[in-house]
Amino acid sequence: MVKERKDEPKDDKKPKKESDLKKFLNKRSFIYLSAAVFFVVFIVPDMIAPSDLEKKLVENLE
């Protein structure tokens, strides 16, 4: 006697396959990735570049 498992669907309909891009865009990780890219592209170069005050100090020391 074989019992059916409760977690298996009774009907054999296959769910529609979504493309990997659509799956990725629907996930929250897309938001985190886009925020990280924005931070690296716009914020980090300003942090690395020397400020005007630092430039003036270097000029005065030379």
PDB file of N, CA and C in Angstrom:
ATOM      1  N   MET A   1       0.841  -1.176   0.000  1.00  0.00           N
ATOM      2  CA  MET A   1       0.000   0.000   0.000  1.00  0.00           C
ATOM      3  C   MET A   1       0.897   1.255   0.000  1.00  0.00           C
ATOM      4  N   VAL A   2       0.699   2.140  -0.976  1.00  0.00           N
ATOM      5  CA  VAL A   2       1.524   3.335  -1.128  1.00  0.00           C
ATOM      6  C   VAL A   2       0.696   4.555  -0.753  1.00  0.00           C
ATOM      7  N   LYS A   3       1.260   5.355   0.123  1.00  0.00           N
ATOM      8  CA  LYS A   3       0.567   6.576   0.536  1.00  0.00           C
ATOM      9  C   LYS A   3       1.141   7.756  -0.231  1.00  0.00           C
ATOM     10  N   GLU A   4       0.260   8.687  -0.586  1.00  0.00           N
ATOM     11  CA  GLU A   4       0.718   9.900  -1.268  1.00  0.00           C
ATOM     12  C   GLU A   4       1.292  10.863  -0.247  1.00  0.00           C
ATOM     13  N   ARG A   5       2.362  11.506  -0.642  1.00  0.00           N
ATOM     14  CA  ARG A   5       2.924  12.520   0.247  1.00  0.00           C
ATOM     15  C   ARG A   5       2.076  13.778   0.169  1.00  0.00           C
ATOM     16  N   LYS A   6       1.912  14.438   1.292  1.00  0.00           N
ATOM     17  CA  LYS A   6       1.045  15.615   1.330  1.00  0.00           C
ATOM     18  C   LYS A   6       1.653  16.818   0.625  1.00  0.00           C
ATOM     19  N   ASP A   7       2.985  16.893   0.601  1.00  0.00           N
ATOM     20  CA  ASP A   7       3.607  18.076   0.016  1.00  0.00           C
ATOM     21  C   ASP A   7       3.704  18.020  -1.504  1.00  0.00           C
ATOM     22  N   GLU A   8       3.390  16.899  -2.111  1.00  0.00           N
ATOM     23  CA  GLU A   8       3.418  16.798  -3.568  1.00  0.00           C
ATOM     24  C   GLU A   8       2.100  17.316  -4.143  1.00  0.00           C
ATOM     25  N   PRO A   9       2.141  18.107  -5.179  1.00  0.00           N
ATOM     26  CA  PRO A   9       0.888  18.585  -5.781  1.00  0.00           C
ATOM     27  C   PRO A   9       0.159  17.434  -6.478  1.00  0.00           C
ATOM     28  N   LYS A  10      -1.146  17.470  -6.400  1.00  0.00           N
ATOM     29  CA  LYS A  10      -1.938  16.387  -6.999  1.00  0.00           C
ATOM     30  C   LYS A  10      -2.026  16.523  -8.513  1.00  0.00           C
ATOM     31  N   ASP A  11      -2.136  17.752  -8.994  1.00  0.00           N
ATOM     32  CA  ASP A  11      -2.226  17.919 -10.445  1.00  0.00           C
ATOM     33  C   ASP A  11      -0.816  18.024 -11.024  1.00  0.00           C
ATOM     34  N   ASP A  12      -0.650  17.574 -12.244  1.00  0.00           N
ATOM     35  CA  ASP A  12       0.666  17.491 -12.869  1.00  0.00           C
ATOM     36  C   ASP A  12       0.988  18.718 -13.718  1.00  0.00           C
ATOM     37  N   LYS A  13       0.374  19.831 -13.434  1.00  0.00           N
ATOM     38  CA  LYS A  13       0.653  21.039 -14.209  1.00  0.00           C
ATOM     39  C   LYS A  13       2.048  21.546 -13.870  1.00  0.00           C
ATOM     40  N   LYS A  14       2.815  21.839 -14.905  1.00  0.00           N
ATOM     41  CA  LYS A  14       4.153  22.377 -14.685  1.00  0.00           C
ATOM     42  C   LYS A  14       4.051  23.897 -14.596  1.00  0.00           C
ATOM     43  N   PRO A  15       4.700  24.486 -13.600  1.00  0.00           N
ATOM     44  CA  PRO A  15       4.662  25.952 -13.514  1.00  0.00           C
ATOM     45  C   PRO A  15       5.430  26.574 -14.675  1.00  0.00           C
ATOM     46  N   LYS A  16       4.999  27.771 -15.050  1.00  0.00           N
ATOM     47  CA  LYS A  16       5.681  28.465 -16.144  1.00  0.00           C
ATOM     48  C   LYS A  16       7.096  28.806 -15.710  1.00  0.00           C
ATOM     49  N   LYS A  17       8.034  28.587 -16.613  1.00  0.00           N
ATOM     50  CA  LYS A  17       9.424  28.912 -16.300  1.00  0.00           C
ATOM     51  C   LYS A  17       9.652  30.398 -16.537  1.00  0.00           C
ATOM     52  N   GLU A  18      10.239  31.043 -15.536  1.00  0.00           N
ATOM     53  CA  GLU A  18      10.610  32.444 -15.686  1.00  0.00           C
ATOM     54  C   GLU A  18      12.080  32.515 -16.060  1.00  0.00           C
ATOM     55  N   SER A  19      12.419  33.538 -16.771  1.00  0.00           N
ATOM     56  CA  SER A  19      13.828  33.689 -17.117  1.00  0.00           C
ATOM     57  C   SER A  19      14.616  34.053 -15.858  1.00  0.00           C
ATOM     58  N   ASP A  20      15.911  33.791 -15.897  1.00  0.00           N
ATOM     59  CA  ASP A  20      16.755  34.074 -14.739  1.00  0.00           C
ATOM     60  C   ASP A  20      16.781  35.565 -14.428  1.00  0.00           C
ATOM     61  N   LEU A  21      16.727  36.391 -15.467  1.00  0.00           N
ATOM     62  CA  LEU A  21      16.756  37.831 -15.250  1.00  0.00           C
ATOM     63  C   LEU A  21      15.508  38.292 -14.501  1.00  0.00           C
ATOM     64  N   LYS A  22      14.347  37.784 -14.885  1.00  0.00           N
ATOM     65  CA  LYS A  22      13.111  38.166 -14.198  1.00  0.00           C
ATOM     66  C   LYS A  22      13.129  37.711 -12.750  1.00  0.00           C
ATOM     67  N   LYS A  23      13.641  36.506 -12.503  1.00  0.00           N
ATOM     68  CA  LYS A  23      13.731  36.023 -11.124  1.00  0.00           C
ATOM     69  C   LYS A  23      14.643  36.933 -10.307  1.00  0.00           C
ATOM     70  N   PHE A  24      15.782  37.320 -10.907  1.00  0.00           N
ATOM     71  CA  PHE A  24      16.736  38.159 -10.187  1.00  0.00           C
ATOM     72  C   PHE A  24      16.142  39.538  -9.901  1.00  0.00           C
ATOM     73  N   LEU A  25      15.428  40.097 -10.870  1.00  0.00           N
ATOM     74  CA  LEU A  25      14.860  41.429 -10.675  1.00  0.00           C
ATOM     75  C   LEU A  25      13.767  41.423  -9.616  1.00  0.00           C
ATOM     76  N   ASN A  26      13.104  40.285  -9.433  1.00  0.00           N
ATOM     77  CA  ASN A  26      12.043  40.206  -8.439  1.00  0.00           C
ATOM     78  C   ASN A  26      12.585  40.032  -7.027  1.00  0.00           C
ATOM     79  N   LYS A  27      13.829  39.650  -6.900  1.00  0.00           N
ATOM     80  CA  LYS A  27      14.385  39.396  -5.571  1.00  0.00           C
ATOM     81  C   LYS A  27      14.918  40.675  -4.951  1.00  0.00           C
ATOM     82  N   ARG A  28      15.034  40.637  -3.641  1.00  0.00           N
ATOM     83  CA  ARG A  28      15.519  41.794  -2.903  1.00  0.00           C
ATOM     84  C   ARG A  28      17.001  42.035  -3.149  1.00  0.00           C
ATOM     85  N   SER A  29      17.723  40.996  -3.525  1.00  0.00           N
ATOM     86  CA  SER A  29      19.164  41.147  -3.740  1.00  0.00           C
ATOM     87  C   SER A  29      19.457  42.144  -4.863  1.00  0.00           C
ATOM     88  N   PHE A  30      18.540  42.301  -5.791  1.00  0.00           N
ATOM     89  CA  PHE A  30      18.718  43.291  -6.860  1.00  0.00           C
ATOM     90  C   PHE A  30      18.802  44.697  -6.278  1.00  0.00           C
ATOM     91  N   ILE A  31      17.990  44.970  -5.284  1.00  0.00           N
ATOM     92  CA  ILE A  31      18.005  46.294  -4.658  1.00  0.00           C
ATOM     93  C   ILE A  31      19.342  46.529  -3.975  1.00  0.00           C
ATOM     94  N   TYR A  32      19.821  45.516  -3.255  1.00  0.00           N
ATOM     95  CA  TYR A  32      21.104  45.654  -2.569  1.00  0.00           C
ATOM     96  C   TYR A  32      22.244  45.825  -3.566  1.00  0.00           C
ATOM     97  N   LEU A  33      22.200  45.079  -4.648  1.00  0.00           N
ATOM     98  CA  LEU A  33      23.258  45.180  -5.651  1.00  0.00           C
ATOM     99  C   LEU A  33      23.265  46.561  -6.299  1.00  0.00           C
ATOM    100  N   SER A  34      22.087  47.073  -6.643  1.00  0.00           N
ATOM    101  CA  SER A  34      22.034  48.389  -7.276  1.00  0.00           C
ATOM    102  C   SER A  34      22.484  49.481  -6.302  1.00  0.00           C
ATOM    103  N   ALA A  35      22.168  49.335  -5.023  1.00  0.00           N
ATOM    104  CA  ALA A  35      22.628  50.311  -4.033  1.00  0.00           C
ATOM    105  C   ALA A  35      24.148  50.264  -3.895  1.00  0.00           C
ATOM    106  N   ALA A  36      24.708  49.064  -3.920  1.00  0.00           N
ATOM    107  CA  ALA A  36      26.162  48.929  -3.814  1.00  0.00           C
ATOM    108  C   ALA A  36      26.857  49.527  -5.033  1.00  0.00           C
ATOM    109  N   VAL A  37      26.310  49.304  -6.209  1.00  0.00           N
ATOM    110  CA  VAL A  37      26.899  49.866  -7.431  1.00  0.00           C
ATOM    111  C   VAL A  37      26.837  51.388  -7.391  1.00  0.00           C
ATOM    112  N   PHE A  38      25.714  51.932  -6.972  1.00  0.00           N
ATOM    113  CA  PHE A  38      25.573  53.387  -6.856  1.00  0.00           C
ATOM    114  C   PHE A  38      26.622  53.949  -5.895  1.00  0.00           C
ATOM    115  N   PHE A  39      26.786  53.283  -4.760  1.00  0.00           N
ATOM    116  CA  PHE A  39      27.759  53.741  -3.762  1.00  0.00           C
ATOM    117  C   PHE A  39      29.168  53.735  -4.324  1.00  0.00           C
ATOM    118  N   VAL A  40      29.532  52.662  -5.002  1.00  0.00           N
ATOM    119  CA  VAL A  40      30.897  52.542  -5.535  1.00  0.00           C
ATOM    120  C   VAL A  40      31.139  53.542  -6.654  1.00  0.00           C
ATOM    121  N   VAL A  41      30.148  53.768  -7.497  1.00  0.00           N
ATOM    122  CA  VAL A  41      30.345  54.641  -8.660  1.00  0.00           C
ATOM    123  C   VAL A  41      30.340  56.121  -8.272  1.00  0.00           C
ATOM    124  N   PHE A  42      29.460  56.522  -7.353  1.00  0.00           N
ATOM    125  CA  PHE A  42      29.304  57.947  -7.077  1.00  0.00           C
ATOM    126  C   PHE A  42      29.954  58.412  -5.770  1.00  0.00           C
ATOM    127  N   ILE A  43      29.929  57.613  -4.734  1.00  0.00           N
ATOM    128  CA  ILE A  43      30.388  58.067  -3.421  1.00  0.00           C
ATOM    129  C   ILE A  43      31.877  57.821  -3.219  1.00  0.00           C
ATOM    130  N   VAL A  44      32.348  56.639  -3.565  1.00  0.00           N
ATOM    131  CA  VAL A  44      33.743  56.268  -3.292  1.00  0.00           C
ATOM    132  C   VAL A  44      34.745  57.178  -4.008  1.00  0.00           C
ATOM    133  N   PRO A  45      34.558  57.535  -5.283  1.00  0.00           N
ATOM    134  CA  PRO A  45      35.545  58.436  -5.914  1.00  0.00           C
ATOM    135  C   PRO A  45      35.681  59.777  -5.193  1.00  0.00           C
ATOM    136  N   ASP A  46      34.585  60.299  -4.640  1.00  0.00           N
ATOM    137  CA  ASP A  46      34.664  61.550  -3.882  1.00  0.00           C
ATOM    138  C   ASP A  46      35.439  61.357  -2.587  1.00  0.00           C
ATOM    139  N   MET A  47      35.329  60.183  -1.990  1.00  0.00           N
ATOM    140  CA  MET A  47      36.058  59.909  -0.755  1.00  0.00           C
ATOM    141  C   MET A  47      37.550  59.754  -1.037  1.00  0.00           C
ATOM    142  N   ILE A  48      37.895  59.200  -2.187  1.00  0.00           N
ATOM    143  CA  ILE A  48      39.299  58.955  -2.520  1.00  0.00           C
ATOM    144  C   ILE A  48      39.991  60.233  -2.984  1.00  0.00           C
ATOM    145  N   ALA A  49      39.279  61.058  -3.736  1.00  0.00           N
ATOM    146  CA  ALA A  49      39.876  62.281  -4.293  1.00  0.00           C
ATOM    147  C   ALA A  49      40.267  63.228  -3.163  1.00  0.00           C
ATOM    148  N   PRO A  50      41.421  63.879  -3.279  1.00  0.00           N
ATOM    149  CA  PRO A  50      41.833  64.824  -2.230  1.00  0.00           C
ATOM    150  C   PRO A  50      40.931  66.060  -2.242  1.00  0.00           C
ATOM    151  N   SER A  51      40.638  66.545  -1.075  1.00  0.00           N
ATOM    152  CA  SER A  51      39.768  67.719  -0.978  1.00  0.00           C
ATOM    153  C   SER A  51      40.559  68.986  -1.303  1.00  0.00           C
ATOM    154  N   ASP A  52      39.848  70.099  -1.445  1.00  0.00           N
ATOM    155  CA  ASP A  52      40.497  71.383  -1.746  1.00  0.00           C
ATOM    156  C   ASP A  52      41.419  71.809  -0.609  1.00  0.00           C
ATOM    157  N   LEU A  53      41.011  71.537   0.620  1.00  0.00           N
ATOM    158  CA  LEU A  53      41.832  71.899   1.773  1.00  0.00           C
ATOM    159  C   LEU A  53      43.156  71.146   1.749  1.00  0.00           C
ATOM    160  N   GLU A  54      43.104  69.860   1.437  1.00  0.00           N
ATOM    161  CA  GLU A  54      44.337  69.071   1.358  1.00  0.00           C
ATOM    162  C   GLU A  54      45.247  69.602   0.252  1.00  0.00           C
ATOM    163  N   LYS A  55      44.670  69.984  -0.879  1.00  0.00           N
ATOM    164  CA  LYS A  55      45.476  70.522  -1.982  1.00  0.00           C
ATOM    165  C   LYS A  55      46.178  71.812  -1.563  1.00  0.00           C
ATOM    166  N   LYS A  56      45.453  72.700  -0.852  1.00  0.00           N
ATOM    167  CA  LYS A  56      46.047  73.964  -0.406  1.00  0.00           C
ATOM    168  C   LYS A  56      47.158  73.717   0.608  1.00  0.00           C
ATOM    169  N   LEU A  57      46.965  72.748   1.497  1.00  0.00           N
ATOM    170  CA  LEU A  57      47.996  72.442   2.487  1.00  0.00           C
ATOM    171  C   LEU A  57      49.261  71.927   1.816  1.00  0.00           C
ATOM    172  N   VAL A  58      49.102  71.081   0.812  1.00  0.00           N
ATOM    173  CA  VAL A  58      50.259  70.547   0.098  1.00  0.00           C
ATOM    174  C   VAL A  58      50.982  71.664  -0.641  1.00  0.00           C
ATOM    175  N   GLU A  59      50.226  72.586  -1.240  1.00  0.00           N
ATOM    176  CA  GLU A  59      50.848  73.709  -1.951  1.00  0.00           C
ATOM    177  C   GLU A  59      51.619  74.610  -0.982  1.00  0.00           C
ATOM    178  N   ASN A  60      51.064  74.827   0.210  1.00  0.00           N
ATOM    179  CA  ASN A  60      51.730  75.689   1.192  1.00  0.00           C
ATOM    180  C   ASN A  60      52.994  75.045   1.732  1.00  0.00           C
ATOM    181  N   LEU A  61      53.003  73.745   1.852  1.00  0.00           N
ATOM    182  CA  LEU A  61      54.177  73.053   2.379  1.00  0.00           C
ATOM    183  C   LEU A  61      55.307  73.009   1.365  1.00  0.00           C
ATOM    184  N   GLU A  62      54.987  73.087   0.112  1.00  0.00           N
ATOM    185  CA  GLU A  62      56.028  73.006  -0.925  1.00  0.00           C
ATOM    186  C   GLU A  62      56.690  74.304  -1.185  1.00  0.00           C
TER     187      GLU A  62
END
